[in-house]
Protein backbone atom coordinates (compact mmCIF):
# COMPACT_ATOMS: atom_id res chain seq x y z
CA UNK A 1 27.71 -6.29 20.10
CA UNK A 2 29.51 -8.94 18.08
CA UNK A 3 27.79 -7.89 14.86
CA UNK A 4 28.83 -4.27 15.36
CA UNK A 5 32.44 -5.31 15.87
CA UNK A 6 32.44 -7.48 12.75
CA UNK A 7 30.85 -4.73 10.64
CA UNK A 8 33.36 -2.18 11.91
CA UNK A 9 36.26 -4.51 11.10
CA UNK A 10 34.92 -5.06 7.58
CA UNK A 11 34.68 -1.30 7.10
CA UNK A 12 38.22 -0.75 8.34
CA UNK A 13 39.53 -3.45 6.00
CA UNK A 14 37.64 -1.91 3.08
CA UNK A 15 39.06 1.53 3.82
CA UNK A 16 42.55 0.01 3.93
CA UNK A 17 42.02 -1.57 0.52
CA UNK A 18 40.73 1.79 -0.77
CA UNK A 19 43.89 3.49 0.53
CA UNK A 20 46.12 0.97 -1.25
CA UNK A 21 44.12 1.42 -4.44
CA UNK A 22 44.45 5.20 -4.20
CA UNK A 23 48.21 4.81 -3.67
CA UNK A 24 48.30 3.00 -7.02
CA UNK A 25 46.67 6.08 -8.59
CA UNK A 26 43.32 4.45 -9.30
CA UNK A 27 41.30 7.17 -7.63
CA UNK A 28 37.91 6.38 -9.13
CA UNK A 29 38.13 2.73 -8.06
CA UNK A 30 39.44 3.77 -4.64
CA UNK A 31 36.50 6.12 -4.14
CA UNK A 32 34.05 3.37 -5.08
CA UNK A 33 35.71 0.90 -2.66
CA UNK A 34 35.63 3.52 0.11
CA UNK A 35 31.91 4.08 -0.52
CA UNK A 36 31.21 0.36 -0.18
CA UNK A 37 33.42 0.17 2.92
CA UNK A 38 31.51 2.96 4.66
CA UNK A 39 28.10 1.27 4.28
CA UNK A 40 28.58 -1.31 7.11
CA UNK A 41 29.83 1.28 9.62
CA UNK A 42 26.93 3.56 8.62
CA UNK A 43 24.48 0.75 9.31
CA UNK A 44 26.06 0.18 12.71
CA UNK A 45 25.83 3.87 13.57
CA UNK A 46 22.15 4.12 12.63
CA UNK A 47 21.22 1.09 14.74
CA UNK A 48 19.96 -0.90 11.77
CA UNK A 49 22.33 -3.79 12.51
CA UNK A 50 21.18 -4.09 16.11
CA UNK A 51 17.52 -4.00 15.01
CA UNK A 52 18.12 -6.60 12.28
CA UNK A 53 19.89 -9.01 14.61
CA UNK A 54 17.27 -8.58 17.32
CA UNK A 55 14.59 -9.34 14.75
CA UNK A 56 16.44 -12.30 13.23
CA UNK A 57 16.91 -14.04 16.58
CA UNK A 58 13.53 -13.18 18.11
CA UNK A 59 10.90 -15.94 18.24
CA UNK A 60 8.16 -13.32 18.46
CA UNK A 61 9.33 -11.74 15.23
CA UNK A 62 9.29 -15.10 13.43
CA UNK A 63 5.77 -15.84 14.71
CA UNK A 64 4.77 -12.39 13.42
CA UNK A 65 6.21 -13.21 10.00
CA UNK A 66 4.23 -16.46 10.06
CA UNK A 67 1.00 -14.61 10.88
CA UNK A 68 1.68 -12.19 8.02
CA UNK A 69 2.21 -15.18 5.71
CA UNK A 70 -1.10 -16.73 6.76
CA UNK A 71 -2.89 -13.41 6.18
CA UNK A 72 -1.32 -13.11 2.73
CA UNK A 73 -2.36 -16.69 1.92
CA UNK A 74 -5.95 -15.95 2.95
CA UNK A 75 -6.05 -12.84 0.77
CA UNK A 76 -4.76 -14.76 -2.25
CA UNK A 77 -7.16 -17.67 -1.67
CA UNK A 78 -10.19 -15.41 -1.44
CA UNK A 79 -9.14 -13.58 -4.62
CA UNK A 80 -8.74 -16.89 -6.48
CA UNK A 81 -12.17 -18.10 -5.34
CA UNK A 82 -13.71 -14.75 -6.27
CA UNK A 83 -12.24 -14.96 -9.77
CA UNK A 84 -13.51 -18.50 -10.22
CA UNK A 85 -17.06 -17.53 -9.34
CA UNK A 86 -17.08 -14.98 -12.11
CA UNK A 87 -19.17 -11.85 -12.58
CA UNK A 88 -22.48 -13.72 -12.96
CA UNK A 89 -22.61 -14.62 -9.29
CA UNK A 90 -21.68 -11.08 -8.24
CA UNK A 91 -24.49 -9.63 -10.36
CA UNK A 92 -26.97 -12.16 -8.99
CA UNK A 93 -25.99 -11.20 -5.46
CA UNK A 94 -26.48 -7.52 -6.26
CA UNK A 95 -29.92 -8.14 -7.82
CA UNK A 96 -31.09 -10.15 -4.81
CA UNK A 97 -31.10 -7.11 -2.53
CA UNK A 98 -34.62 -5.94 -1.74
CA UNK A 99 -33.64 -2.26 -1.65
CA UNK A 100 -32.11 -2.34 -5.14
CA UNK A 101 -33.64 -0.23 -7.90
CA UNK A 102 -35.32 -1.78 -10.90
CA UNK A 103 -32.68 -3.51 -13.03
CA UNK A 104 -33.97 -1.97 -16.26
CA UNK A 105 -33.86 1.54 -14.83
CA UNK A 106 -30.22 1.98 -15.71
CA UNK A 107 -30.65 0.83 -19.32
CA UNK A 108 -30.48 3.66 -21.86
CA UNK A 109 -33.81 4.80 -23.30
CA UNK A 110 -32.32 5.16 -26.77
CA UNK A 111 -29.99 2.87 -28.62
CA UNK A 112 -26.27 3.56 -28.56
CA UNK A 113 -25.26 6.60 -30.55
CA UNK A 114 -28.83 7.72 -31.29
CA UNK A 115 -29.09 10.68 -28.96
CA UNK A 116 -32.18 12.69 -29.88
CA UNK A 117 -32.94 10.61 -32.98
CA UNK A 118 -36.11 8.63 -33.55
CA UNK A 119 -35.64 4.89 -33.61
CA UNK A 120 -35.81 3.09 -36.96
CA UNK A 121 -39.22 1.73 -37.84
CA UNK A 122 -39.28 -2.03 -38.11
CA UNK A 123 -39.98 -3.65 -41.44
CA UNK A 124 -43.53 -4.90 -41.75
CA UNK A 125 -44.48 -8.41 -42.60
CA UNK A 126 -45.23 -7.33 -46.18
CA UNK A 127 -41.51 -6.85 -46.79
CA UNK A 128 -41.26 -3.06 -46.91
CA UNK A 129 -37.79 -2.57 -48.44
CA UNK A 130 -37.83 1.21 -48.15
CA UNK A 131 -38.14 1.38 -44.35
CA UNK A 132 -34.40 1.98 -43.91
CA UNK A 133 -34.44 4.80 -46.45
CA UNK A 134 -37.48 6.37 -44.79
CA UNK A 135 -35.76 6.26 -41.41
CA UNK A 136 -32.69 8.00 -42.82
CA UNK A 137 -34.80 10.69 -44.48
CA UNK A 138 -36.78 11.29 -41.28
CA UNK A 139 -33.56 11.50 -39.32
CA UNK A 140 -32.36 14.34 -41.57
CA UNK A 141 -35.73 16.07 -41.58
CA UNK A 142 -36.58 15.43 -45.20
């Protein structure tokens, strides 16, 4: 009740200042002051002031804010620990499942960017220098 009275008085004073400003022919400034002066009375009329003051002076609300803070702290701690462990531990945990598919099953059969092409033959121990050229010619069908 006291908060509503104070907010209404502030609004009335602001509207008075806006009227004096408008009397001095500063209409744009007067309109801006009137807009600011109407905000507190609008908050009172919507019930936001009553809700805010009930929340601010309620021990239950403060305990609730504390619980939210603890939950937030737990979330941040678990994220920090998870980042420290790194991806290696996550992958090891995924591979340890007995129902997981073979790890090599998802690897591509061909090298990157070689869709439909035959892989390059490896150079023999004799030092075949033309193996790269042969692979290119086979790739183009020559």
